[in-house]
Amino acid sequence: MQMEMGQVHSIDVAEQLQVSKPSVSGAMKALREKKLVVKEEDGVLHLTEDGEELARAVYEKHVFFQRMFMQLGVDESVAGRDACLVEHAVSDEVFEKLKERYDHVLAEGGQ
């Protein structure tokens, strides 16, 4: 969201994820405690370096799984939704093995 919108507030996150603002506030507090997010006085959220690194890793998983599901013939919206679920559940070890095995196939668009 930060890449798309520039400044991000908790309400933006709530609207994007279609969850309540209190849910986002709780999650943001946990992320701040882990030093992954900083909240400015004006309410703008920023990822820390560690937060950006984690976000990039999650986004890489998301893109990989969405492409894989779409390659299987799954509708783009369903593939995106399910990629959101899988990206958080799959371990880094399993993801790396899947990438080793299938990344070239997805890049080529083949099977």
PDB file of N, CA and C in Angstrom:
ATOM      1  N   MET A   1       0.821  -1.190   0.000  1.00  0.00           N
ATOM      2  CA  MET A   1       0.000   0.000   0.000  1.00  0.00           C
ATOM      3  C   MET A   1       0.866   1.256   0.000  1.00  0.00           C
ATOM      4  N   GLN A   2       1.963   1.193   0.751  1.00  0.00           N
ATOM      5  CA  GLN A   2       2.847   2.349   0.813  1.00  0.00           C
ATOM      6  C   GLN A   2       3.412   2.684  -0.559  1.00  0.00           C
ATOM      7  N   MET A   3       3.725   1.674  -1.348  1.00  0.00           N
ATOM      8  CA  MET A   3       4.248   1.908  -2.699  1.00  0.00           C
ATOM      9  C   MET A   3       3.186   2.551  -3.581  1.00  0.00           C
ATOM     10  N   GLU A   4       1.935   2.149  -3.420  1.00  0.00           N
ATOM     11  CA  GLU A   4       0.851   2.663  -4.252  1.00  0.00           C
ATOM     12  C   GLU A   4       0.349   4.026  -3.803  1.00  0.00           C
ATOM     13  N   MET A   5       0.224   4.219  -2.488  1.00  0.00           N
ATOM     14  CA  MET A   5      -0.437   5.406  -1.963  1.00  0.00           C
ATOM     15  C   MET A   5       0.516   6.453  -1.398  1.00  0.00           C
ATOM     16  N   GLY A   6       1.723   6.051  -1.099  1.00  0.00           N
ATOM     17  CA  GLY A   6       2.641   6.970  -0.427  1.00  0.00           C
ATOM     18  C   GLY A   6       2.411   6.912   1.068  1.00  0.00           C
ATOM     19  N   GLN A   7       1.482   7.716   1.566  1.00  0.00           N
ATOM     20  CA  GLN A   7       1.177   7.729   2.986  1.00  0.00           C
ATOM     21  C   GLN A   7       0.045   6.749   3.290  1.00  0.00           C
ATOM     22  N   VAL A   8       0.240   5.975   4.350  1.00  0.00           N
ATOM     23  CA  VAL A   8      -0.752   4.978   4.738  1.00  0.00           C
ATOM     24  C   VAL A   8      -1.141   5.215   6.196  1.00  0.00           C
ATOM     25  N   HIS A   9      -2.437   5.211   6.436  1.00  0.00           N
ATOM     26  CA  HIS A   9      -2.984   5.311   7.793  1.00  0.00           C
ATOM     27  C   HIS A   9      -3.684   3.993   8.131  1.00  0.00           C
ATOM     28  N   SER A  10      -3.951   3.793   9.413  1.00  0.00           N
ATOM     29  CA  SER A  10      -4.639   2.572   9.852  1.00  0.00           C
ATOM     30  C   SER A  10      -5.972   2.382   9.135  1.00  0.00           C
ATOM     31  N   ILE A  11      -6.694   3.464   8.908  1.00  0.00           N
ATOM     32  CA  ILE A  11      -7.995   3.357   8.233  1.00  0.00           C
ATOM     33  C   ILE A  11      -7.833   2.834   6.807  1.00  0.00           C
ATOM     34  N   ASP A  12      -6.735   3.210   6.158  1.00  0.00           N
ATOM     35  CA  ASP A  12      -6.461   2.714   4.806  1.00  0.00           C
ATOM     36  C   ASP A  12      -6.255   1.201   4.826  1.00  0.00           C
ATOM     37  N   VAL A  13      -5.517   0.735   5.829  1.00  0.00           N
ATOM     38  CA  VAL A  13      -5.269  -0.698   5.962  1.00  0.00           C
ATOM     39  C   VAL A  13      -6.587  -1.422   6.226  1.00  0.00           C
ATOM     40  N   ALA A  14      -7.408  -0.868   7.118  1.00  0.00           N
ATOM     41  CA  ALA A  14      -8.701  -1.483   7.440  1.00  0.00           C
ATOM     42  C   ALA A  14      -9.580  -1.594   6.203  1.00  0.00           C
ATOM     43  N   GLU A  15      -9.635  -0.532   5.419  1.00  0.00           N
ATOM     44  CA  GLU A  15     -10.458  -0.548   4.208  1.00  0.00           C
ATOM     45  C   GLU A  15      -9.913  -1.541   3.182  1.00  0.00           C
ATOM     46  N   GLN A  16      -8.596  -1.560   3.005  1.00  0.00           N
ATOM     47  CA  GLN A  16      -7.981  -2.465   2.028  1.00  0.00           C
ATOM     48  C   GLN A  16      -8.231  -3.927   2.387  1.00  0.00           C
ATOM     49  N   LEU A  17      -8.106  -4.246   3.664  1.00  0.00           N
ATOM     50  CA  LEU A  17      -8.254  -5.633   4.115  1.00  0.00           C
ATOM     51  C   LEU A  17      -9.691  -5.984   4.490  1.00  0.00           C
ATOM     52  N   GLN A  18     -10.564  -4.975   4.471  1.00  0.00           N
ATOM     53  CA  GLN A  18     -11.967  -5.158   4.834  1.00  0.00           C
ATOM     54  C   GLN A  18     -12.107  -5.749   6.232  1.00  0.00           C
ATOM     55  N   VAL A  19     -11.404  -5.114   7.175  1.00  0.00           N
ATOM     56  CA  VAL A  19     -11.481  -5.491   8.576  1.00  0.00           C
ATOM     57  C   VAL A  19     -11.759  -4.227   9.383  1.00  0.00           C
ATOM     58  N   SER A  20     -12.037  -4.390  10.659  1.00  0.00           N
ATOM     59  CA  SER A  20     -12.355  -3.240  11.499  1.00  0.00           C
ATOM     60  C   SER A  20     -11.089  -2.454  11.851  1.00  0.00           C
ATOM     61  N   LYS A  21     -11.273  -1.160  12.112  1.00  0.00           N
ATOM     62  CA  LYS A  21     -10.144  -0.328  12.517  1.00  0.00           C
ATOM     63  C   LYS A  21      -9.539  -0.819  13.834  1.00  0.00           C
ATOM     64  N   PRO A  22     -10.351  -1.258  14.836  1.00  0.00           N
ATOM     65  CA  PRO A  22      -9.748  -1.807  16.052  1.00  0.00           C
ATOM     66  C   PRO A  22      -8.858  -3.027  15.786  1.00  0.00           C
ATOM     67  N   SER A  23      -9.239  -3.860  14.810  1.00  0.00           N
ATOM     68  CA  SER A  23      -8.394  -5.014  14.462  1.00  0.00           C
ATOM     69  C   SER A  23      -7.051  -4.547  13.933  1.00  0.00           C
ATOM     70  N   VAL A  24      -7.085  -3.530  13.088  1.00  0.00           N
ATOM     71  CA  VAL A  24      -5.841  -2.986  12.533  1.00  0.00           C
ATOM     72  C   VAL A  24      -5.020  -2.336  13.632  1.00  0.00           C
ATOM     73  N   SER A  25      -5.667  -1.612  14.517  1.00  0.00           N
ATOM     74  CA  SER A  25      -4.943  -0.952  15.614  1.00  0.00           C
ATOM     75  C   SER A  25      -4.196  -1.973  16.461  1.00  0.00           C
ATOM     76  N   GLY A  26      -4.859  -3.085  16.761  1.00  0.00           N
ATOM     77  CA  GLY A  26      -4.199  -4.148  17.534  1.00  0.00           C
ATOM     78  C   GLY A  26      -3.029  -4.752  16.792  1.00  0.00           C
ATOM     79  N   ALA A  27      -3.225  -4.990  15.503  1.00  0.00           N
ATOM     80  CA  ALA A  27      -2.149  -5.565  14.691  1.00  0.00           C
ATOM     81  C   ALA A  27      -0.979  -4.586  14.569  1.00  0.00           C
ATOM     82  N   MET A  28      -1.288  -3.300  14.393  1.00  0.00           N
ATOM     83  CA  MET A  28      -0.231  -2.289  14.274  1.00  0.00           C
ATOM     84  C   MET A  28       0.560  -2.168  15.571  1.00  0.00           C
ATOM     85  N   LYS A  29      -0.131  -2.284  16.701  1.00  0.00           N
ATOM     86  CA  LYS A  29       0.566  -2.245  17.987  1.00  0.00           C
ATOM     87  C   LYS A  29       1.561  -3.398  18.088  1.00  0.00           C
ATOM     88  N   ALA A  30       1.118  -4.586  17.679  1.00  0.00           N
ATOM     89  CA  ALA A  30       2.005  -5.748  17.715  1.00  0.00           C
ATOM     90  C   ALA A  30       3.192  -5.557  16.772  1.00  0.00           C
ATOM     91  N   LEU A  31       2.936  -4.985  15.603  1.00  0.00           N
ATOM     92  CA  LEU A  31       4.026  -4.742  14.648  1.00  0.00           C
ATOM     93  C   LEU A  31       4.984  -3.670  15.159  1.00  0.00           C
ATOM     94  N   ARG A  32       4.456  -2.661  15.841  1.00  0.00           N
ATOM     95  CA  ARG A  32       5.325  -1.630  16.428  1.00  0.00           C
ATOM     96  C   ARG A  32       6.196  -2.237  17.519  1.00  0.00           C
ATOM     97  N   GLU A  33       5.618  -3.117  18.326  1.00  0.00           N
ATOM     98  CA  GLU A  33       6.385  -3.765  19.397  1.00  0.00           C
ATOM     99  C   GLU A  33       7.511  -4.631  18.832  1.00  0.00           C
ATOM    100  N   LYS A  34       7.280  -5.191  17.657  1.00  0.00           N
ATOM    101  CA  LYS A  34       8.313  -5.995  16.990  1.00  0.00           C
ATOM    102  C   LYS A  34       9.262  -5.135  16.161  1.00  0.00           C
ATOM    103  N   LYS A  35       9.038  -3.822  16.208  1.00  0.00           N
ATOM    104  CA  LYS A  35       9.861  -2.849  15.475  1.00  0.00           C
ATOM    105  C   LYS A  35       9.816  -3.058  13.960  1.00  0.00           C
ATOM    106  N   LEU A  36       8.632  -3.418  13.471  1.00  0.00           N
ATOM    107  CA  LEU A  36       8.424  -3.596  12.040  1.00  0.00           C
ATOM    108  C   LEU A  36       7.711  -2.401  11.418  1.00  0.00           C
ATOM    109  N   VAL A  37       6.993  -1.636  12.254  1.00  0.00           N
ATOM    110  CA  VAL A  37       6.234  -0.469  11.803  1.00  0.00           C
ATOM    111  C   VAL A  37       6.468   0.682  12.772  1.00  0.00           C
ATOM    112  N   VAL A  38       6.505   1.883  12.218  1.00  0.00           N
ATOM    113  CA  VAL A  38       6.572   3.105  13.015  1.00  0.00           C
ATOM    114  C   VAL A  38       5.325   3.917  12.701  1.00  0.00           C
ATOM    115  N   LYS A  39       4.712   4.468  13.734  1.00  0.00           N
ATOM    116  CA  LYS A  39       3.548   5.332  13.543  1.00  0.00           C
ATOM    117  C   LYS A  39       3.956   6.757  13.903  1.00  0.00           C
ATOM    118  N   GLU A  40       3.866   7.647  12.918  1.00  0.00           N
ATOM    119  CA  GLU A  40       4.226   9.049  13.128  1.00  0.00           C
ATOM    120  C   GLU A  40       3.148   9.744  13.956  1.00  0.00           C
ATOM    121  N   GLU A  41       3.443  10.934  14.448  1.00  0.00           N
ATOM    122  CA  GLU A  41       2.478  11.692  15.251  1.00  0.00           C
ATOM    123  C   GLU A  41       1.201  11.996  14.480  1.00  0.00           C
ATOM    124  N   ASP A  42       1.324  12.158  13.158  1.00  0.00           N
ATOM    125  CA  ASP A  42       0.136  12.448  12.336  1.00  0.00           C
ATOM    126  C   ASP A  42      -0.617  11.183  11.926  1.00  0.00           C
ATOM    127  N   GLY A  43      -0.197  10.021  12.452  1.00  0.00           N
ATOM    128  CA  GLY A  43      -0.891   8.771  12.177  1.00  0.00           C
ATOM    129  C   GLY A  43      -0.396   8.009  10.962  1.00  0.00           C
ATOM    130  N   VAL A  44       0.575   8.567  10.245  1.00  0.00           N
ATOM    131  CA  VAL A  44       1.107   7.893   9.061  1.00  0.00           C
ATOM    132  C   VAL A  44       1.959   6.705   9.511  1.00  0.00           C
ATOM    133  N   LEU A  45       1.735   5.572   8.870  1.00  0.00           N
ATOM    134  CA  LEU A  45       2.479   4.345   9.164  1.00  0.00           C
ATOM    135  C   LEU A  45       3.632   4.193   8.188  1.00  0.00           C
ATOM    136  N   HIS A  46       4.774   3.773   8.712  1.00  0.00           N
ATOM    137  CA  HIS A  46       5.947   3.497   7.876  1.00  0.00           C
ATOM    138  C   HIS A  46       6.545   2.164   8.291  1.00  0.00           C
ATOM    139  N   LEU A  47       6.946   1.387   7.332  1.00  0.00           N
ATOM    140  CA  LEU A  47       7.667   0.165   7.636  1.00  0.00           C
ATOM    141  C   LEU A  47       9.105   0.512   8.008  1.00  0.00           C
ATOM    142  N   THR A  48       9.646  -0.190   8.996  1.00  0.00           N
ATOM    143  CA  THR A  48      11.069  -0.068   9.307  1.00  0.00           C
ATOM    144  C   THR A  48      11.837  -0.886   8.268  1.00  0.00           C
ATOM    145  N   GLU A  49      13.151  -0.857   8.335  1.00  0.00           N
ATOM    146  CA  GLU A  49      13.937  -1.679   7.404  1.00  0.00           C
ATOM    147  C   GLU A  49      13.582  -3.150   7.554  1.00  0.00           C
ATOM    148  N   ASP A  50      13.473  -3.614   8.802  1.00  0.00           N
ATOM    149  CA  ASP A  50      13.079  -5.011   9.031  1.00  0.00           C
ATOM    150  C   ASP A  50      11.670  -5.269   8.515  1.00  0.00           C
ATOM    151  N   GLY A  51      10.788  -4.295   8.693  1.00  0.00           N
ATOM    152  CA  GLY A  51       9.416  -4.423   8.197  1.00  0.00           C
ATOM    153  C   GLY A  51       9.370  -4.503   6.683  1.00  0.00           C
ATOM    154  N   GLU A  52      10.191  -3.673   6.031  1.00  0.00           N
ATOM    155  CA  GLU A  52      10.244  -3.710   4.564  1.00  0.00           C
ATOM    156  C   GLU A  52      10.787  -5.046   4.068  1.00  0.00           C
ATOM    157  N   GLU A  53      11.793  -5.568   4.761  1.00  0.00           N
ATOM    158  CA  GLU A  53      12.361  -6.864   4.373  1.00  0.00           C
ATOM    159  C   GLU A  53      11.310  -7.969   4.492  1.00  0.00           C
ATOM    160  N   LEU A  54      10.577  -7.967   5.581  1.00  0.00           N
ATOM    161  CA  LEU A  54       9.525  -8.961   5.780  1.00  0.00           C
ATOM    162  C   LEU A  54       8.418  -8.786   4.743  1.00  0.00           C
ATOM    163  N   ALA A  55       8.033  -7.537   4.476  1.00  0.00           N
ATOM    164  CA  ALA A  55       6.980  -7.265   3.492  1.00  0.00           C
ATOM    165  C   ALA A  55       7.389  -7.749   2.106  1.00  0.00           C
ATOM    166  N   ARG A  56       8.648  -7.519   1.739  1.00  0.00           N
ATOM    167  CA  ARG A  56       9.126  -7.992   0.431  1.00  0.00           C
ATOM    168  C   ARG A  56       9.054  -9.515   0.346  1.00  0.00           C
ATOM    169  N   ALA A  57       9.423 -10.195   1.427  1.00  0.00           N
ATOM    170  CA  ALA A  57       9.392 -11.664   1.433  1.00  0.00           C
ATOM    171  C   ALA A  57       7.957 -12.178   1.301  1.00  0.00           C
ATOM    172  N   VAL A  58       7.029 -11.556   2.013  1.00  0.00           N
ATOM    173  CA  VAL A  58       5.623 -11.974   1.941  1.00  0.00           C
ATOM    174  C   VAL A  58       5.070 -11.687   0.551  1.00  0.00           C
ATOM    175  N   TYR A  59       5.415 -10.515   0.009  1.00  0.00           N
ATOM    176  CA  TYR A  59       4.929 -10.151  -1.326  1.00  0.00           C
ATOM    177  C   TYR A  59       5.473 -11.108  -2.386  1.00  0.00           C
ATOM    178  N   GLU A  60       6.732 -11.516  -2.238  1.00  0.00           N
ATOM    179  CA  GLU A  60       7.310 -12.479  -3.181  1.00  0.00           C
ATOM    180  C   GLU A  60       6.522 -13.788  -3.148  1.00  0.00           C
ATOM    181  N   LYS A  61       6.180 -14.241  -1.959  1.00  0.00           N
ATOM    182  CA  LYS A  61       5.371 -15.460  -1.834  1.00  0.00           C
ATOM    183  C   LYS A  61       4.005 -15.257  -2.478  1.00  0.00           C
ATOM    184  N   HIS A  62       3.402 -14.106  -2.215  1.00  0.00           N
ATOM    185  CA  HIS A  62       2.079 -13.820  -2.770  1.00  0.00           C
ATOM    186  C   HIS A  62       2.097 -13.895  -4.295  1.00  0.00           C
ATOM    187  N   VAL A  63       3.039 -13.211  -4.903  1.00  0.00           N
ATOM    188  CA  VAL A  63       3.129 -13.188  -6.370  1.00  0.00           C
ATOM    189  C   VAL A  63       3.357 -14.596  -6.906  1.00  0.00           C
ATOM    190  N   PHE A  64       4.248 -15.336  -6.285  1.00  0.00           N
ATOM    191  CA  PHE A  64       4.542 -16.701  -6.720  1.00  0.00           C
ATOM    192  C   PHE A  64       3.277 -17.559  -6.697  1.00  0.00           C
ATOM    193  N   PHE A  65       2.576 -17.549  -5.556  1.00  0.00           N
ATOM    194  CA  PHE A  65       1.396 -18.407  -5.433  1.00  0.00           C
ATOM    195  C   PHE A  65       0.251 -17.937  -6.319  1.00  0.00           C
ATOM    196  N   GLN A  66       0.073 -16.645  -6.455  1.00  0.00           N
ATOM    197  CA  GLN A  66      -0.988 -16.165  -7.345  1.00  0.00           C
ATOM    198  C   GLN A  66      -0.701 -16.600  -8.775  1.00  0.00           C
ATOM    199  N   ARG A  67       0.535 -16.450  -9.225  1.00  0.00           N
ATOM    200  CA  ARG A  67       0.894 -16.882 -10.579  1.00  0.00           C
ATOM    201  C   ARG A  67       0.700 -18.388 -10.733  1.00  0.00           C
ATOM    202  N   MET A  68       1.097 -19.150  -9.723  1.00  0.00           N
ATOM    203  CA  MET A  68       0.961 -20.603  -9.783  1.00  0.00           C
ATOM    204  C   MET A  68      -0.512 -20.995  -9.894  1.00  0.00           C
ATOM    205  N   PHE A  69      -1.358 -20.393  -9.066  1.00  0.00           N
ATOM    206  CA  PHE A  69      -2.783 -20.730  -9.090  1.00  0.00           C
ATOM    207  C   PHE A  69      -3.414 -20.337 -10.423  1.00  0.00           C
ATOM    208  N   MET A  70      -3.042 -19.191 -10.941  1.00  0.00           N
ATOM    209  CA  MET A  70      -3.578 -18.758 -12.232  1.00  0.00           C
ATOM    210  C   MET A  70      -3.090 -19.678 -13.346  1.00  0.00           C
ATOM    211  N   GLN A  71      -1.848 -20.142 -13.255  1.00  0.00           N
ATOM    212  CA  GLN A  71      -1.307 -21.090 -14.235  1.00  0.00           C
ATOM    213  C   GLN A  71      -2.132 -22.376 -14.247  1.00  0.00           C
ATOM    214  N   LEU A  72      -2.682 -22.717 -13.085  1.00  0.00           N
ATOM    215  CA  LEU A  72      -3.524 -23.912 -12.973  1.00  0.00           C
ATOM    216  C   LEU A  72      -4.935 -23.679 -13.497  1.00  0.00           C
ATOM    217  N   GLY A  73      -5.242 -22.427 -13.858  1.00  0.00           N
ATOM    218  CA  GLY A  73      -6.553 -22.116 -14.402  1.00  0.00           C
ATOM    219  C   GLY A  73      -7.509 -21.481 -13.410  1.00  0.00           C
ATOM    220  N   VAL A  74      -7.004 -21.096 -12.243  1.00  0.00           N
ATOM    221  CA  VAL A  74      -7.842 -20.465 -11.227  1.00  0.00           C
ATOM    222  C   VAL A  74      -8.070 -19.008 -11.617  1.00  0.00           C
ATOM    223  N   ASP A  75      -9.285 -18.514 -11.412  1.00  0.00           N
ATOM    224  CA  ASP A  75      -9.632 -17.126 -11.680  1.00  0.00           C
ATOM    225  C   ASP A  75      -8.705 -16.199 -10.885  1.00  0.00           C
ATOM    226  N   GLU A  76      -8.349 -15.059 -11.485  1.00  0.00           N
ATOM    227  CA  GLU A  76      -7.377 -14.149 -10.872  1.00  0.00           C
ATOM    228  C   GLU A  76      -7.795 -13.692  -9.469  1.00  0.00           C
ATOM    229  N   SER A  77      -9.065 -13.370  -9.277  1.00  0.00           N
ATOM    230  CA  SER A  77      -9.493 -12.894  -7.956  1.00  0.00           C
ATOM    231  C   SER A  77      -9.406 -14.000  -6.908  1.00  0.00           C
ATOM    232  N   VAL A  78      -9.769 -15.207  -7.286  1.00  0.00           N
ATOM    233  CA  VAL A  78      -9.667 -16.350  -6.369  1.00  0.00           C
ATOM    234  C   VAL A  78      -8.195 -16.665  -6.103  1.00  0.00           C
ATOM    235  N   ALA A  79      -7.383 -16.633  -7.147  1.00  0.00           N
ATOM    236  CA  ALA A  79      -5.953 -16.895  -6.996  1.00  0.00           C
ATOM    237  C   ALA A  79      -5.314 -15.879  -6.055  1.00  0.00           C
ATOM    238  N   GLY A  80      -5.701 -14.615  -6.179  1.00  0.00           N
ATOM    239  CA  GLY A  80      -5.168 -13.575  -5.305  1.00  0.00           C
ATOM    240  C   GLY A  80      -5.588 -13.775  -3.866  1.00  0.00           C
ATOM    241  N   ARG A  81      -6.862 -14.097  -3.674  1.00  0.00           N
ATOM    242  CA  ARG A  81      -7.375 -14.326  -2.311  1.00  0.00           C
ATOM    243  C   ARG A  81      -6.674 -15.512  -1.660  1.00  0.00           C
ATOM    244  N   ASP A  82      -6.555 -16.616  -2.397  1.00  0.00           N
ATOM    245  CA  ASP A  82      -5.935 -17.801  -1.828  1.00  0.00           C
ATOM    246  C   ASP A  82      -4.432 -17.610  -1.631  1.00  0.00           C
ATOM    247  N   ALA A  83      -3.796 -16.840  -2.508  1.00  0.00           N
ATOM    248  CA  ALA A  83      -2.374 -16.537  -2.331  1.00  0.00           C
ATOM    249  C   ALA A  83      -2.162 -15.794  -1.020  1.00  0.00           C
ATOM    250  N   CYS A  84      -3.107 -14.910  -0.655  1.00  0.00           N
ATOM    251  CA  CYS A  84      -3.023 -14.187   0.619  1.00  0.00           C
ATOM    252  C   CYS A  84      -3.039 -15.152   1.795  1.00  0.00           C
ATOM    253  N   LEU A  85      -3.802 -16.204   1.681  1.00  0.00           N
ATOM    254  CA  LEU A  85      -3.870 -17.192   2.759  1.00  0.00           C
ATOM    255  C   LEU A  85      -2.582 -18.014   2.837  1.00  0.00           C
ATOM    256  N   VAL A  86      -2.112 -18.459   1.695  1.00  0.00           N
ATOM    257  CA  VAL A  86      -0.950 -19.348   1.649  1.00  0.00           C
ATOM    258  C   VAL A  86       0.339 -18.613   2.000  1.00  0.00           C
ATOM    259  N   GLU A  87       0.473 -17.365   1.568  1.00  0.00           N
ATOM    260  CA  GLU A  87       1.729 -16.629   1.761  1.00  0.00           C
ATOM    261  C   GLU A  87       2.128 -16.540   3.231  1.00  0.00           C
ATOM    262  N   HIS A  88       1.150 -16.549   4.128  1.00  0.00           N
ATOM    263  CA  HIS A  88       1.446 -16.447   5.558  1.00  0.00           C
ATOM    264  C   HIS A  88       1.608 -17.808   6.217  1.00  0.00           C
ATOM    265  N   ALA A  89       1.070 -18.835   5.588  1.00  0.00           N
ATOM    266  CA  ALA A  89       1.064 -20.158   6.200  1.00  0.00           C
ATOM    267  C   ALA A  89       2.283 -21.001   5.825  1.00  0.00           C
ATOM    268  N   VAL A  90       2.802 -20.802   4.620  1.00  0.00           N
ATOM    269  CA  VAL A  90       3.884 -21.661   4.147  1.00  0.00           C
ATOM    270  C   VAL A  90       5.220 -21.227   4.768  1.00  0.00           C
ATOM    271  N   SER A  91       6.003 -22.203   5.172  1.00  0.00           N
ATOM    272  CA  SER A  91       7.309 -21.899   5.762  1.00  0.00           C
ATOM    273  C   SER A  91       8.283 -21.429   4.686  1.00  0.00           C
ATOM    274  N   ASP A  92       9.316 -20.730   5.111  1.00  0.00           N
ATOM    275  CA  ASP A  92      10.337 -20.279   4.170  1.00  0.00           C
ATOM    276  C   ASP A  92      11.020 -21.476   3.506  1.00  0.00           C
ATOM    277  N   GLU A  93      11.222 -22.539   4.264  1.00  0.00           N
ATOM    278  CA  GLU A  93      11.873 -23.730   3.715  1.00  0.00           C
ATOM    279  C   GLU A  93      11.056 -24.333   2.572  1.00  0.00           C
ATOM    280  N   VAL A  94       9.763 -24.512   2.801  1.00  0.00           N
ATOM    281  CA  VAL A  94       8.898 -25.080   1.760  1.00  0.00           C
ATOM    282  C   VAL A  94       8.827 -24.135   0.570  1.00  0.00           C
ATOM    283  N   PHE A  95       8.707 -22.838   0.826  1.00  0.00           N
ATOM    284  CA  PHE A  95       8.631 -21.868  -0.262  1.00  0.00           C
ATOM    285  C   PHE A  95       9.891 -21.911  -1.122  1.00  0.00           C
ATOM    286  N   GLU A  96      11.052 -21.969  -0.514  1.00  0.00           N
ATOM    287  CA  GLU A  96      12.295 -22.016  -1.277  1.00  0.00           C
ATOM    288  C   GLU A  96      12.361 -23.271  -2.146  1.00  0.00           C
ATOM    289  N   LYS A  97      11.904 -24.406  -1.629  1.00  0.00           N
ATOM    290  CA  LYS A  97      11.898 -25.649  -2.408  1.00  0.00           C
ATOM    291  C   LYS A  97      10.927 -25.548  -3.579  1.00  0.00           C
ATOM    292  N   LEU A  98       9.757 -24.952  -3.340  1.00  0.00           N
ATOM    293  CA  LEU A  98       8.797 -24.764  -4.424  1.00  0.00           C
ATOM    294  C   LEU A  98       9.368 -23.842  -5.497  1.00  0.00           C
ATOM    295  N   LYS A  99      10.018 -22.767  -5.079  1.00  0.00           N
ATOM    296  CA  LYS A  99      10.626 -21.846  -6.042  1.00  0.00           C
ATOM    297  C   LYS A  99      11.693 -22.557  -6.867  1.00  0.00           C
ATOM    298  N   GLU A 100      12.532 -23.337  -6.204  1.00  0.00           N
ATOM    299  CA  GLU A 100      13.576 -24.079  -6.924  1.00  0.00           C
ATOM    300  C   GLU A 100      12.957 -24.969  -7.991  1.00  0.00           C
ATOM    301  N   ARG A 101      11.849 -25.597  -7.662  1.00  0.00           N
ATOM    302  CA  ARG A 101      11.229 -26.566  -8.548  1.00  0.00           C
ATOM    303  C   ARG A 101      10.393 -25.908  -9.640  1.00  0.00           C
ATOM    304  N   TYR A 102       9.659 -24.824  -9.311  1.00  0.00           N
ATOM    305  CA  TYR A 102       8.644 -24.327 -10.234  1.00  0.00           C
ATOM    306  C   TYR A 102       8.824 -22.906 -10.745  1.00  0.00           C
ATOM    307  N   ASP A 103       9.739 -22.142 -10.206  1.00  0.00           N
ATOM    308  CA  ASP A 103       9.850 -20.733 -10.611  1.00  0.00           C
ATOM    309  C   ASP A 103      10.133 -20.600 -12.097  1.00  0.00           C
ATOM    310  N   HIS A 104      10.986 -21.437 -12.642  1.00  0.00           N
ATOM    311  CA  HIS A 104      11.304 -21.355 -14.081  1.00  0.00           C
ATOM    312  C   HIS A 104      10.080 -21.677 -14.926  1.00  0.00           C
ATOM    313  N   VAL A 105       9.242 -22.579 -14.452  1.00  0.00           N
ATOM    314  CA  VAL A 105       8.028 -22.949 -15.186  1.00  0.00           C
ATOM    315  C   VAL A 105       7.073 -21.775 -15.217  1.00  0.00           C
ATOM    316  N   LEU A 106       6.912 -21.101 -14.088  1.00  0.00           N
ATOM    317  CA  LEU A 106       6.006 -19.958 -14.022  1.00  0.00           C
ATOM    318  C   LEU A 106       6.532 -18.801 -14.858  1.00  0.00           C
ATOM    319  N   ALA A 107       7.835 -18.608 -14.865  1.00  0.00           N
ATOM    320  CA  ALA A 107       8.433 -17.520 -15.643  1.00  0.00           C
ATOM    321  C   ALA A 107       8.233 -17.750 -17.133  1.00  0.00           C
ATOM    322  N   GLU A 108       8.289 -19.002 -17.543  1.00  0.00           N
ATOM    323  CA  GLU A 108       8.132 -19.331 -18.967  1.00  0.00           C
ATOM    324  C   GLU A 108       6.668 -19.419 -19.374  1.00  0.00           C
ATOM    325  N   GLY A 109       5.780 -19.505 -18.384  1.00  0.00           N
ATOM    326  CA  GLY A 109       4.360 -19.630 -18.695  1.00  0.00           C
ATOM    327  C   GLY A 109       3.991 -21.026 -19.142  1.00  0.00           C
ATOM    328  N   GLY A 110       4.908 -21.970 -18.986  1.00  0.00           N
ATOM    329  CA  GLY A 110       4.656 -23.344 -19.428  1.00  0.00           C
ATOM    330  C   GLY A 110       4.135 -24.202 -18.300  1.00  0.00           C
ATOM    331  N   GLN A 111       4.231 -25.508 -18.519  1.00  0.00           N
ATOM    332  CA  GLN A 111       3.725 -26.426 -17.512  1.00  0.00           C
ATOM    333  C   GLN A 111       4.799 -27.309 -16.985  1.00  0.00           C
TER     334      GLN A 111
END
